[in-house]
Amino acid sequence: MEILKTKDAAELLSVSQTTIKRWAAMFPDFFPKDRFGHYTFSEQQISLLSHIKDRINHGEPLESIQLTDSNEKQMSTSPQDPLHPTDAEPMQDILSRIHYIERTLDQKADEVVMIQLLQQREELEDLRIMIKQLAATLEPMQASKGNVFTSNEASRPVTTTRLPSPPRKRGLLRSFFFL
């Protein structure tokens, strides 16, 4: 197998390029950058990344994974599920579970914030469109009046065709629970 770039390694392992870069940055001794600042991966490094992926899929936090300098660069500890450790102290077991749950909760909170930001961007875009439509409607009216309004004309409301309002957005929680 030849040397792979980050994109190829990500496709091979079915993860994002950002994930590969994050894993490689966590272990700079095992995944050095080339002279241009890019990661390249050998077959041995791909197998190491695959092993890291397996450990993470079993629920182990990336921070607790240790790598060794053995010939095959395998993990120093055997893979085990952090939710069901075999011989860990009870207090350490509880702390690792809490840490795992906190990280999962942080990820979910970040996802919710991203969804809310996307919804707000859509609403802002709808408002921009409405403003453009209003400006387009007012422009011919101002041109026909010569941009001069008398006090009598300024007090009267301008009647034009009503612009359709954008569809009403549902709240985030309501969209999850009430379809």
Protein backbone atom coordinates (compact mmCIF):
# COMPACT_ATOMS: atom_id res chain seq x y z
CA MET A 1 0.00 0.00 0.00
CA GLU A 2 1.34 3.44 -0.85
CA ILE A 3 1.30 6.57 1.26
CA LEU A 4 -2.22 7.98 1.71
CA LYS A 5 -3.34 11.55 2.21
CA THR A 6 -5.81 12.58 4.90
CA LYS A 7 -8.74 12.48 2.49
CA ASP A 8 -7.91 8.94 1.36
CA ALA A 9 -7.42 7.74 4.95
CA ALA A 10 -10.75 9.29 5.94
CA GLU A 11 -12.55 7.53 3.09
CA LEU A 12 -10.84 4.24 3.90
CA LEU A 13 -11.88 4.41 7.58
CA SER A 14 -15.31 5.96 6.88
CA VAL A 15 -14.72 8.99 9.09
CA SER A 16 -14.32 12.68 8.33
CA GLN A 17 -11.03 14.32 7.45
CA THR A 18 -11.35 16.45 10.58
CA THR A 19 -11.57 13.31 12.70
CA ILE A 20 -8.40 11.90 11.13
CA LYS A 21 -6.58 15.19 11.73
CA ARG A 22 -7.79 15.31 15.35
CA TRP A 23 -6.56 11.74 15.99
CA ALA A 24 -3.22 12.46 14.34
CA ALA A 25 -2.81 15.71 16.30
CA MET A 26 -3.46 13.80 19.53
CA PHE A 27 -0.47 11.53 18.80
CA PRO A 28 2.11 13.73 16.99
CA ASP A 29 4.96 11.27 17.68
CA PHE A 30 3.18 8.58 15.68
CA PHE A 31 1.72 10.80 12.93
CA PRO A 32 4.26 13.45 11.89
CA LYS A 33 3.43 16.07 9.28
CA ASP A 34 5.33 16.39 6.03
CA ARG A 35 7.36 19.48 5.16
CA PHE A 36 4.20 21.21 3.86
CA GLY A 37 2.34 20.67 7.15
CA HIS A 38 0.12 17.87 5.81
CA TYR A 39 -0.41 14.42 7.25
CA THR A 40 0.49 11.39 5.16
CA PHE A 41 -0.21 7.86 6.34
CA SER A 42 1.62 4.61 5.73
CA GLU A 43 -0.01 1.19 5.94
CA GLN A 44 1.22 0.84 9.52
CA GLN A 45 -0.27 4.22 10.46
CA ILE A 46 -3.58 3.33 8.79
CA SER A 47 -3.79 0.18 10.91
CA LEU A 48 -3.04 2.31 13.98
CA LEU A 49 -5.82 4.75 13.02
CA SER A 50 -8.15 1.80 12.50
CA HIS A 51 -7.29 0.54 15.97
CA ILE A 52 -7.96 3.99 17.44
CA LYS A 53 -11.34 4.01 15.67
CA ASP A 54 -12.21 0.60 17.14
CA ARG A 55 -11.29 1.76 20.64
CA ILE A 56 -13.40 4.89 20.27
CA ASN A 57 -16.31 2.86 18.88
CA HIS A 58 -16.13 0.77 22.05
CA GLY A 59 -16.70 3.96 24.02
CA GLU A 60 -13.16 4.71 25.16
CA PRO A 61 -12.27 8.40 25.24
CA LEU A 62 -9.52 9.50 22.87
CA GLU A 63 -7.62 11.09 25.76
CA SER A 64 -7.24 7.74 27.55
CA ILE A 65 -5.81 5.85 24.58
CA GLN A 66 -2.07 5.23 24.99
CA LEU A 67 0.26 4.33 22.10
CA THR A 68 3.59 2.52 22.48
CA ASP A 69 6.78 2.44 20.38
CA SER A 70 6.62 -1.29 19.69
CA ASN A 71 7.50 -2.64 16.23
CA GLU A 72 3.86 -2.77 15.18
CA LYS A 73 2.80 0.36 17.11
CA GLN A 74 -0.16 -1.29 18.75
CA MET A 75 -2.12 0.05 21.66
CA SER A 76 -0.54 -0.40 25.09
CA THR A 77 -3.73 -1.57 26.76
CA SER A 78 -6.18 -4.17 25.63
CA PRO A 79 -9.47 -2.82 24.31
CA GLN A 80 -12.24 -2.78 26.87
CA ASP A 81 -15.57 -1.13 27.21
CA PRO A 82 -15.36 1.84 29.63
CA LEU A 83 -18.95 1.27 30.67
CA HIS A 84 -18.08 -2.27 31.86
CA PRO A 85 -14.45 -2.41 32.99
CA THR A 86 -13.13 -5.70 34.37
CA ASP A 87 -10.67 -4.87 37.15
CA ALA A 88 -10.80 -1.09 37.64
CA GLU A 89 -11.33 0.46 41.04
CA PRO A 90 -15.00 1.32 41.69
CA MET A 91 -14.36 5.06 42.11
CA GLN A 92 -12.27 5.25 38.94
CA ASP A 93 -14.99 3.35 37.13
CA ILE A 94 -17.62 5.86 38.23
CA LEU A 95 -15.43 8.82 37.29
CA SER A 96 -14.73 7.44 33.83
CA ARG A 97 -18.46 6.86 33.28
CA ILE A 98 -19.25 10.41 34.37
CA HIS A 99 -16.55 11.78 32.06
CA TYR A 100 -17.93 9.74 29.15
CA ILE A 101 -21.50 10.95 29.80
CA GLU A 102 -20.35 14.58 30.10
CA ARG A 103 -18.55 14.40 26.77
CA THR A 104 -21.59 12.85 25.13
CA LEU A 105 -23.80 15.55 26.61
CA ASP A 106 -21.44 18.27 25.36
CA GLN A 107 -21.58 16.80 21.86
CA LYS A 108 -25.38 16.76 21.90
CA ALA A 109 -25.50 20.34 23.19
CA ASP A 110 -23.18 21.43 20.38
CA GLU A 111 -25.43 19.71 17.84
CA VAL A 112 -28.52 21.49 19.22
CA VAL A 113 -26.75 24.86 19.05
CA MET A 114 -25.74 24.20 15.44
CA ILE A 115 -29.34 23.37 14.51
CA GLN A 116 -30.55 26.56 16.17
CA LEU A 117 -27.93 28.62 14.32
CA LEU A 118 -28.98 27.12 11.00
CA GLN A 119 -32.63 27.92 11.73
CA GLN A 120 -31.74 31.51 12.65
CA ARG A 121 -29.75 31.88 9.43
CA GLU A 122 -32.76 30.69 7.44
CA GLU A 123 -34.99 33.20 9.23
CA LEU A 124 -32.51 36.01 8.54
CA GLU A 125 -32.40 35.06 4.88
CA ASP A 126 -36.23 35.16 4.74
CA LEU A 127 -36.14 38.65 6.27
CA ARG A 128 -33.54 39.79 3.72
CA ILE A 129 -35.77 38.56 0.90
CA MET A 130 -38.76 40.43 2.36
CA ILE A 131 -36.71 43.63 2.65
CA LYS A 132 -35.61 43.33 -0.98
CA GLN A 133 -39.24 42.83 -2.03
CA LEU A 134 -40.33 45.88 -0.05
CA ALA A 135 -37.53 47.98 -1.53
CA ALA A 136 -38.51 46.84 -5.01
CA THR A 137 -42.13 47.80 -4.31
CA LEU A 138 -41.27 51.21 -2.88
CA GLU A 139 -38.80 52.18 -5.61
CA PRO A 140 -41.37 52.66 -8.40
CA MET A 141 -43.66 54.55 -6.04
CA GLN A 142 -40.89 56.96 -5.09
CA ALA A 143 -39.91 57.44 -8.70
CA SER A 144 -43.49 58.28 -9.73
CA LYS A 145 -43.85 60.82 -6.90
CA GLY A 146 -40.53 62.43 -7.69
CA ASN A 147 -39.22 61.57 -4.20
CA VAL A 148 -41.22 64.50 -2.78
CA PHE A 149 -44.05 63.82 -0.37
CA THR A 150 -46.40 66.50 0.86
CA SER A 151 -47.46 66.45 4.48
CA ASN A 152 -50.91 65.20 3.41
CA GLU A 153 -49.44 62.33 1.37
CA ALA A 154 -46.97 61.34 4.09
CA SER A 155 -49.77 60.87 6.63
CA ARG A 156 -51.75 58.49 4.41
CA PRO A 157 -50.78 54.85 4.45
CA VAL A 158 -49.48 53.51 1.17
CA THR A 159 -51.59 50.66 -0.17
CA THR A 160 -49.87 48.15 -2.38
CA THR A 161 -50.18 44.50 -3.00
CA ARG A 162 -49.50 42.55 0.12
CA LEU A 163 -46.36 40.47 0.12
CA PRO A 164 -46.74 36.87 1.19
CA SER A 165 -45.27 36.23 4.61
CA PRO A 166 -42.76 33.42 4.99
CA PRO A 167 -43.99 30.21 6.57
CA ARG A 168 -43.95 30.29 10.33
CA LYS A 169 -41.03 28.44 11.91
CA ARG A 170 -41.67 25.78 14.49
CA GLY A 171 -39.71 25.80 17.69
CA LEU A 172 -36.81 23.36 17.97
CA LEU A 173 -38.34 21.24 20.73
CA ARG A 174 -41.76 21.32 19.11
CA SER A 175 -40.28 20.01 15.85
CA PHE A 176 -38.71 17.08 17.70
CA PHE A 177 -41.73 16.05 19.75
CA PHE A 178 -44.82 17.26 17.88
CA LEU A 179 -44.76 16.35 14.23
